[in-house]
Amino acid sequence: MIKQIQNFLYRHRDKFQDPSRTDVQLTYHGLRHTRAEELYDSCINSGMSDLEARRYVSDYLGHFRDEVTRIYLVK
């Protein structure tokens, strides 16, 4: 399923991507990073601690390991 989504994004990238952003290409993995960052920020804004928010995002992504989640949250 992931490969199908990746192929879809590749074939239709021009319909989704901001044409002024030539420095970045829309990818499935990039979408996961963006979602992880947005979810983390939302958790922090709702009062969770840094650790609680990272654990929540980790579970959401299916990683269940803090060290992997930290990679997704690097800005």
C-alpha atoms as a PDB file:
ATOM      1  CA  MET A   1       0.000   0.000   0.000  1.00  0.00           C
ATOM      2  CA  ILE A   2       2.803   2.440   0.855  1.00  0.00           C
ATOM      3  CA  LYS A   3       4.447   1.860  -2.524  1.00  0.00           C
ATOM      4  CA  GLN A   4       1.158   2.661  -4.244  1.00  0.00           C
ATOM      5  CA  ILE A   5       0.889   5.940  -2.340  1.00  0.00           C
ATOM      6  CA  GLN A   6       4.495   6.778  -3.163  1.00  0.00           C
ATOM      7  CA  ASN A   7       3.860   6.107  -6.851  1.00  0.00           C
ATOM      8  CA  PHE A   8       0.696   8.199  -6.792  1.00  0.00           C
ATOM      9  CA  LEU A   9       2.535  11.136  -5.219  1.00  0.00           C
ATOM     10  CA  TYR A  10       5.344  10.823  -7.740  1.00  0.00           C
ATOM     11  CA  ARG A  11       2.989  10.759 -10.723  1.00  0.00           C
ATOM     12  CA  HIS A  12       0.759  13.598  -9.473  1.00  0.00           C
ATOM     13  CA  ARG A  13       3.265  15.706  -7.539  1.00  0.00           C
ATOM     14  CA  ASP A  14       2.701  18.691  -9.817  1.00  0.00           C
ATOM     15  CA  LYS A  15      -0.959  18.865  -8.700  1.00  0.00           C
ATOM     16  CA  PHE A  16      -0.119  18.985  -4.969  1.00  0.00           C
ATOM     17  CA  GLN A  17       3.228  20.658  -4.633  1.00  0.00           C
ATOM     18  CA  ASP A  18       3.633  24.404  -4.286  1.00  0.00           C
ATOM     19  CA  PRO A  19       5.366  25.454  -7.525  1.00  0.00           C
ATOM     20  CA  SER A  20       7.375  28.096  -5.671  1.00  0.00           C
ATOM     21  CA  ARG A  21       9.006  25.363  -3.537  1.00  0.00           C
ATOM     22  CA  THR A  22      11.521  24.029  -6.017  1.00  0.00           C
ATOM     23  CA  ASP A  23      13.945  23.197  -3.184  1.00  0.00           C
ATOM     24  CA  VAL A  24      11.702  20.415  -1.781  1.00  0.00           C
ATOM     25  CA  GLN A  25       9.881  17.529  -3.431  1.00  0.00           C
ATOM     26  CA  LEU A  26       6.677  16.110  -2.006  1.00  0.00           C
ATOM     27  CA  THR A  27       7.225  12.527  -0.774  1.00  0.00           C
ATOM     28  CA  TYR A  28       5.381  10.011   1.362  1.00  0.00           C
ATOM     29  CA  HIS A  29       8.175  10.076   3.914  1.00  0.00           C
ATOM     30  CA  GLY A  30       8.081  13.863   3.956  1.00  0.00           C
ATOM     31  CA  LEU A  31       4.363  13.725   4.693  1.00  0.00           C
ATOM     32  CA  ARG A  32       5.060  11.396   7.642  1.00  0.00           C
ATOM     33  CA  HIS A  33       7.624  13.851   8.989  1.00  0.00           C
ATOM     34  CA  THR A  34       5.196  16.744   8.632  1.00  0.00           C
ATOM     35  CA  ARG A  35       2.386  14.820  10.332  1.00  0.00           C
ATOM     36  CA  ALA A  36       4.685  13.786  13.182  1.00  0.00           C
ATOM     37  CA  GLU A  37       5.771  17.389  13.749  1.00  0.00           C
ATOM     38  CA  GLU A  38       2.200  18.696  13.655  1.00  0.00           C
ATOM     39  CA  LEU A  39       0.970  15.982  16.028  1.00  0.00           C
ATOM     40  CA  TYR A  40       3.868  16.615  18.424  1.00  0.00           C
ATOM     41  CA  ASP A  41       3.143  20.367  18.462  1.00  0.00           C
ATOM     42  CA  SER A  42      -0.532  19.672  19.086  1.00  0.00           C
ATOM     43  CA  CYS A  43       0.296  17.376  22.002  1.00  0.00           C
ATOM     44  CA  ILE A  44       2.626  19.977  23.535  1.00  0.00           C
ATOM     45  CA  ASN A  45      -0.009  22.703  23.094  1.00  0.00           C
ATOM     46  CA  SER A  46      -2.586  20.518  24.828  1.00  0.00           C
ATOM     47  CA  GLY A  47      -0.380  20.265  27.924  1.00  0.00           C
ATOM     48  CA  MET A  48       1.586  17.048  27.423  1.00  0.00           C
ATOM     49  CA  SER A  49       5.201  16.968  28.493  1.00  0.00           C
ATOM     50  CA  ASP A  50       7.920  16.541  25.871  1.00  0.00           C
ATOM     51  CA  LEU A  51       8.292  12.859  26.772  1.00  0.00           C
ATOM     52  CA  GLU A  52       4.544  12.197  26.738  1.00  0.00           C
ATOM     53  CA  ALA A  53       4.200  13.898  23.362  1.00  0.00           C
ATOM     54  CA  ARG A  54       7.108  11.939  21.860  1.00  0.00           C
ATOM     55  CA  ARG A  55       5.661   8.660  23.154  1.00  0.00           C
ATOM     56  CA  TYR A  56       2.256   9.523  21.711  1.00  0.00           C
ATOM     57  CA  VAL A  57       3.760  10.352  18.312  1.00  0.00           C
ATOM     58  CA  SER A  58       5.911   7.228  18.478  1.00  0.00           C
ATOM     59  CA  ASP A  59       2.837   5.050  19.018  1.00  0.00           C
ATOM     60  CA  TYR A  60       0.973   6.899  16.257  1.00  0.00           C
ATOM     61  CA  LEU A  61       3.787   6.287  13.769  1.00  0.00           C
ATOM     62  CA  GLY A  62       4.088   2.666  14.822  1.00  0.00           C
ATOM     63  CA  HIS A  63       7.731   2.984  15.846  1.00  0.00           C
ATOM     64  CA  PHE A  64       7.363   2.555  19.609  1.00  0.00           C
ATOM     65  CA  ARG A  65      10.984   3.719  20.018  1.00  0.00           C
ATOM     66  CA  ASP A  66      11.867   7.195  21.163  1.00  0.00           C
ATOM     67  CA  GLU A  67      15.153   7.316  19.262  1.00  0.00           C
ATOM     68  CA  VAL A  68      13.341   6.810  15.934  1.00  0.00           C
ATOM     69  CA  THR A  69      10.657   9.356  16.806  1.00  0.00           C
ATOM     70  CA  ARG A  70      13.320  11.956  17.610  1.00  0.00           C
ATOM     71  CA  ILE A  71      14.538  11.671  14.005  1.00  0.00           C
ATOM     72  CA  TYR A  72      11.046  12.528  12.772  1.00  0.00           C
ATOM     73  CA  LEU A  73      10.853  15.545  15.062  1.00  0.00           C
ATOM     74  CA  VAL A  74      14.137  17.194  14.060  1.00  0.00           C
ATOM     75  CA  LYS A  75      13.386  20.627  12.634  1.00  0.00           C
END
